[in-house]
Amino acid sequence: MPEGKTPSLFQIELEGIISNVTENFKIESLEAFPVRGYHTVKKTYFRVYNTTTKQRKLALNAVWVNGLETASDDNELVLSMLCIEIAIEI
């Protein structure tokens, strides 16, 4: 979530971005520690659920085009990104 925005306003913005490319999605907010680095404070993240891989890829690309960062920029499998982060061979 970008600095200086409230979670509710950012969720509305995110819904607008994703609804331009796909119809069936769900957004859930959660508090978690970032995967990279050492952090003592949890950050707000938004998890986006899609019904198909194609819709997930379209939503992810729409987020990137709008200049937003994602916690996991893996466009294929979330598992491979997690394994890379914690140095597990796959």
Protein backbone atom coordinates (compact mmCIF):
# COMPACT_ATOMS: atom_id res chain seq x y z
CA MET A 1 0.00 0.00 0.00
CA PRO A 2 1.44 3.41 -0.91
CA GLU A 3 2.51 5.71 1.91
CA GLY A 4 0.07 8.48 2.79
CA LYS A 5 -3.10 6.64 1.70
CA THR A 6 -5.66 5.08 3.96
CA PRO A 7 -6.41 1.39 3.40
CA SER A 8 -10.04 2.05 2.48
CA LEU A 9 -9.18 4.71 -0.12
CA PHE A 10 -6.43 2.57 -1.62
CA GLN A 11 -8.76 -0.43 -1.80
CA ILE A 12 -11.27 1.65 -3.79
CA GLU A 13 -8.48 2.75 -6.14
CA LEU A 14 -7.27 -0.84 -6.53
CA GLU A 15 -10.80 -2.08 -7.26
CA GLY A 16 -11.12 0.57 -9.97
CA ILE A 17 -7.86 -0.47 -11.61
CA ILE A 18 -8.65 -4.19 -11.58
CA SER A 19 -12.30 -3.81 -12.61
CA ASN A 20 -11.12 -2.26 -15.89
CA VAL A 21 -9.54 -5.57 -16.95
CA THR A 22 -11.53 -8.30 -15.19
CA GLU A 23 -14.93 -8.77 -13.57
CA ASN A 24 -14.65 -11.68 -11.16
CA PHE A 25 -12.28 -10.80 -8.34
CA LYS A 26 -12.22 -10.35 -4.59
CA ILE A 27 -9.93 -8.11 -2.55
CA GLU A 28 -8.99 -8.84 1.06
CA SER A 29 -6.83 -6.64 3.29
CA LEU A 30 -4.36 -8.12 5.75
CA GLU A 31 -1.56 -7.06 8.09
CA ALA A 32 1.76 -8.89 7.69
CA PHE A 33 5.49 -8.47 7.95
CA PRO A 34 7.21 -7.87 4.59
CA VAL A 35 8.89 -10.97 3.14
CA ARG A 36 12.12 -9.14 2.33
CA GLY A 37 14.33 -7.72 5.06
CA TYR A 38 13.88 -7.39 8.81
CA HIS A 39 10.86 -5.37 9.94
CA THR A 40 9.40 -4.75 13.38
CA VAL A 41 6.11 -3.28 12.18
CA LYS A 42 3.46 -5.03 10.11
CA LYS A 43 2.34 -3.42 6.86
CA THR A 44 -1.08 -3.43 5.20
CA TYR A 45 -1.31 -5.63 2.12
CA PHE A 46 -4.17 -6.42 -0.22
CA ARG A 47 -4.68 -9.95 -1.51
CA VAL A 48 -6.53 -10.18 -4.80
CA TYR A 49 -8.38 -13.39 -5.65
CA ASN A 50 -9.20 -14.20 -9.27
CA THR A 51 -11.09 -17.11 -10.79
CA THR A 52 -8.58 -17.93 -13.55
CA THR A 53 -4.86 -17.57 -14.17
CA LYS A 54 -5.58 -15.36 -17.17
CA GLN A 55 -7.59 -12.94 -15.03
CA ARG A 56 -4.83 -12.92 -12.39
CA LYS A 57 -2.23 -12.03 -15.01
CA LEU A 58 -4.44 -9.26 -16.43
CA ALA A 59 -5.02 -7.82 -12.96
CA LEU A 60 -1.32 -7.99 -12.10
CA ASN A 61 -0.33 -6.25 -15.33
CA ALA A 62 -2.96 -3.54 -14.76
CA VAL A 63 -1.52 -2.87 -11.30
CA TRP A 64 2.01 -2.59 -12.74
CA VAL A 65 0.89 -0.30 -15.58
CA ASN A 66 -0.57 2.06 -12.99
CA GLY A 67 2.81 2.33 -11.28
CA LEU A 68 1.99 0.25 -8.21
CA GLU A 69 4.33 -2.31 -6.66
CA THR A 70 3.36 -5.81 -5.66
CA ALA A 71 4.72 -7.87 -2.77
CA SER A 72 5.13 -10.79 -5.15
CA ASP A 73 5.81 -9.85 -8.73
CA ASP A 74 5.78 -13.46 -9.90
CA ASN A 75 3.47 -13.70 -12.90
CA GLU A 76 3.48 -17.50 -13.00
CA LEU A 77 3.63 -19.21 -9.62
CA VAL A 78 3.59 -17.69 -6.17
CA LEU A 79 5.36 -20.77 -4.81
CA SER A 80 8.47 -20.22 -6.94
CA MET A 81 8.76 -16.62 -5.68
CA LEU A 82 8.50 -17.75 -2.07
CA CYS A 83 11.14 -20.44 -2.65
CA ILE A 84 13.48 -17.85 -4.17
CA GLU A 85 12.97 -15.51 -1.21
CA ILE A 86 13.90 -18.15 1.36
CA ALA A 87 16.55 -19.85 -0.84
CA ILE A 88 14.96 -23.26 -1.31
CA GLU A 89 15.90 -25.13 -4.46
CA ILE A 90 12.95 -26.16 -6.58
